[in-house]
C-alpha atoms as a PDB file:
ATOM      1  CA  UNK A   1     -29.382   3.871  -6.803  1.00  0.00           C
ATOM      2  CA  UNK A   2     -28.027   0.777  -7.587  1.00  0.00           C
ATOM      3  CA  UNK A   3     -27.600  -1.685  -9.678  1.00  0.00           C
ATOM      4  CA  UNK A   4     -27.664  -5.071  -7.343  1.00  0.00           C
ATOM      5  CA  UNK A   5     -30.317  -6.313  -4.334  1.00  0.00           C
ATOM      6  CA  UNK A   6     -30.007  -4.711  -0.763  1.00  0.00           C
ATOM      7  CA  UNK A   7     -26.955  -7.138   0.319  1.00  0.00           C
ATOM      8  CA  UNK A   8     -25.335  -8.355  -3.259  1.00  0.00           C
ATOM      9  CA  UNK A   9     -22.280  -6.745  -4.027  1.00  0.00           C
ATOM     10  CA  UNK A  10     -19.207  -7.088  -5.865  1.00  0.00           C
ATOM     11  CA  UNK A  11     -15.169  -7.358  -4.276  1.00  0.00           C
ATOM     12  CA  UNK A  12     -12.478  -4.334  -5.816  1.00  0.00           C
ATOM     13  CA  UNK A  13      -9.492  -5.978  -5.828  1.00  0.00           C
ATOM     14  CA  UNK A  14      -7.496  -2.304  -5.391  1.00  0.00           C
ATOM     15  CA  UNK A  15      -7.680   1.026  -3.742  1.00  0.00           C
ATOM     16  CA  UNK A  16      -7.434   2.868  -6.401  1.00  0.00           C
ATOM     17  CA  UNK A  17      -9.900   5.623  -5.537  1.00  0.00           C
ATOM     18  CA  UNK A  18     -10.286   5.891  -9.658  1.00  0.00           C
ATOM     19  CA  UNK A  19     -12.153   2.597  -9.495  1.00  0.00           C
ATOM     20  CA  UNK A  20     -13.782   2.760  -6.133  1.00  0.00           C
ATOM     21  CA  UNK A  21     -15.811   6.845  -7.460  1.00  0.00           C
ATOM     22  CA  UNK A  22     -16.585   4.799 -11.076  1.00  0.00           C
ATOM     23  CA  UNK A  23     -18.285   1.907  -9.224  1.00  0.00           C
ATOM     24  CA  UNK A  24     -20.350   4.677  -7.622  1.00  0.00           C
ATOM     25  CA  UNK A  25     -20.884   6.501 -10.726  1.00  0.00           C
ATOM     26  CA  UNK A  26     -22.418   3.457 -11.768  1.00  0.00           C
ATOM     27  CA  UNK A  27     -24.480   2.463  -8.620  1.00  0.00           C
ATOM     28  CA  UNK A  28     -22.441  -1.027  -8.378  1.00  0.00           C
ATOM     29  CA  UNK A  29     -21.973  -2.273  -4.668  1.00  0.00           C
ATOM     30  CA  UNK A  30     -18.826  -3.097  -3.565  1.00  0.00           C
ATOM     31  CA  UNK A  31     -16.479  -3.268  -1.049  1.00  0.00           C
ATOM     32  CA  UNK A  32     -12.118  -2.795  -1.246  1.00  0.00           C
ATOM     33  CA  UNK A  33      -9.628  -5.993  -0.153  1.00  0.00           C
ATOM     34  CA  UNK A  34      -6.497  -4.595  -1.957  1.00  0.00           C
ATOM     35  CA  UNK A  35      -5.077  -7.989  -2.693  1.00  0.00           C
ATOM     36  CA  UNK A  36      -1.330  -8.206  -1.201  1.00  0.00           C
ATOM     37  CA  UNK A  37       0.741  -9.035  -3.364  1.00  0.00           C
ATOM     38  CA  UNK A  38       4.452  -8.188  -5.316  1.00  0.00           C
ATOM     39  CA  UNK A  39       4.082  -6.100  -8.294  1.00  0.00           C
ATOM     40  CA  UNK A  40       7.249  -6.383  -8.810  1.00  0.00           C
ATOM     41  CA  UNK A  41       8.944  -5.717 -12.518  1.00  0.00           C
ATOM     42  CA  UNK A  42      10.120  -9.674 -13.257  1.00  0.00           C
ATOM     43  CA  UNK A  43      13.373  -9.335 -15.603  1.00  0.00           C
ATOM     44  CA  UNK A  44      12.195  -9.285 -19.084  1.00  0.00           C
ATOM     45  CA  UNK A  45       8.706  -8.780 -18.629  1.00  0.00           C
ATOM     46  CA  UNK A  46       7.035  -6.387 -21.253  1.00  0.00           C
ATOM     47  CA  UNK A  47       4.351  -3.951 -20.198  1.00  0.00           C
ATOM     48  CA  UNK A  48       1.321  -5.997 -21.041  1.00  0.00           C
ATOM     49  CA  UNK A  49       2.846  -8.985 -19.321  1.00  0.00           C
ATOM     50  CA  UNK A  50       3.244  -7.303 -16.608  1.00  0.00           C
ATOM     51  CA  UNK A  51       0.186  -5.491 -16.611  1.00  0.00           C
ATOM     52  CA  UNK A  52      -1.490  -9.227 -17.188  1.00  0.00           C
ATOM     53  CA  UNK A  53      -0.246 -10.753 -14.593  1.00  0.00           C
ATOM     54  CA  UNK A  54      -0.164  -8.278 -11.800  1.00  0.00           C
ATOM     55  CA  UNK A  55      -4.102  -7.695 -12.496  1.00  0.00           C
ATOM     56  CA  UNK A  56      -4.318 -11.333 -12.821  1.00  0.00           C
ATOM     57  CA  UNK A  57      -2.798 -11.723  -9.362  1.00  0.00           C
ATOM     58  CA  UNK A  58      -5.002  -9.069  -7.778  1.00  0.00           C
ATOM     59  CA  UNK A  59      -8.018 -11.134  -8.988  1.00  0.00           C
ATOM     60  CA  UNK A  60      -6.655 -14.494  -7.475  1.00  0.00           C
ATOM     61  CA  UNK A  61      -6.287 -13.570  -3.997  1.00  0.00           C
ATOM     62  CA  UNK A  62      -8.943 -11.907  -3.475  1.00  0.00           C
ATOM     63  CA  UNK A  63     -10.796 -14.982  -4.748  1.00  0.00           C
ATOM     64  CA  UNK A  64      -9.970 -17.077  -2.904  1.00  0.00           C
ATOM     65  CA  UNK A  65     -10.918 -14.771   0.092  1.00  0.00           C
ATOM     66  CA  UNK A  66     -14.420 -14.520  -2.050  1.00  0.00           C
ATOM     67  CA  UNK A  67     -15.209 -17.197  -3.554  1.00  0.00           C
ATOM     68  CA  UNK A  68     -19.154 -16.363  -3.643  1.00  0.00           C
ATOM     69  CA  UNK A  69     -18.473 -13.701  -5.063  1.00  0.00           C
ATOM     70  CA  UNK A  70     -17.570 -11.264  -8.732  1.00  0.00           C
ATOM     71  CA  UNK A  71     -13.652  -9.671  -8.166  1.00  0.00           C
ATOM     72  CA  UNK A  72     -13.150  -6.887 -10.296  1.00  0.00           C
ATOM     73  CA  UNK A  73      -9.353  -5.838 -10.367  1.00  0.00           C
ATOM     74  CA  UNK A  74      -7.701  -4.360 -12.162  1.00  0.00           C
ATOM     75  CA  UNK A  75      -3.918  -2.581 -12.650  1.00  0.00           C
ATOM     76  CA  UNK A  76      -2.632   0.782 -13.930  1.00  0.00           C
ATOM     77  CA  UNK A  77       1.041   1.513 -15.118  1.00  0.00           C
ATOM     78  CA  UNK A  78       2.479   4.041 -17.363  1.00  0.00           C
ATOM     79  CA  UNK A  79       4.573   3.432 -19.528  1.00  0.00           C
ATOM     80  CA  UNK A  80       8.147   5.457 -21.599  1.00  0.00           C
ATOM     81  CA  UNK A  81      10.011   4.413 -23.867  1.00  0.00           C
ATOM     82  CA  UNK A  82       8.954   0.677 -23.394  1.00  0.00           C
ATOM     83  CA  UNK A  83       9.382   0.946 -19.822  1.00  0.00           C
ATOM     84  CA  UNK A  84       7.867   0.242 -16.936  1.00  0.00           C
ATOM     85  CA  UNK A  85       7.546   3.890 -14.365  1.00  0.00           C
ATOM     86  CA  UNK A  86       7.398   2.791 -11.216  1.00  0.00           C
END
C-alpha cells in the first residue's frame, strides 16, 4: 500500500539498491532518476563536506528535470582515518 495517490511519486536521485528497497518497504511510489554529476573528491574536502555537496548536487540535478516533484537525494561514503574510500 502506498502513502501516495495513484499517479503521485517522488524522484529518487540515486540507483542505490538499498534506498530503493527502503522506499518500497515504506510504501513510497518513486521513479529513479540517477544524477550524472562529478563525484570526485575535491582537494582538501572533508568527508562531511563531500557527502553534503554530492547529495546536494544530485538533488539539484534531478530537481531541474522534475521541478514539480519531491526529490530524494543522498550519498553514502566510507571513511577510514579521515580518508574517503572510493
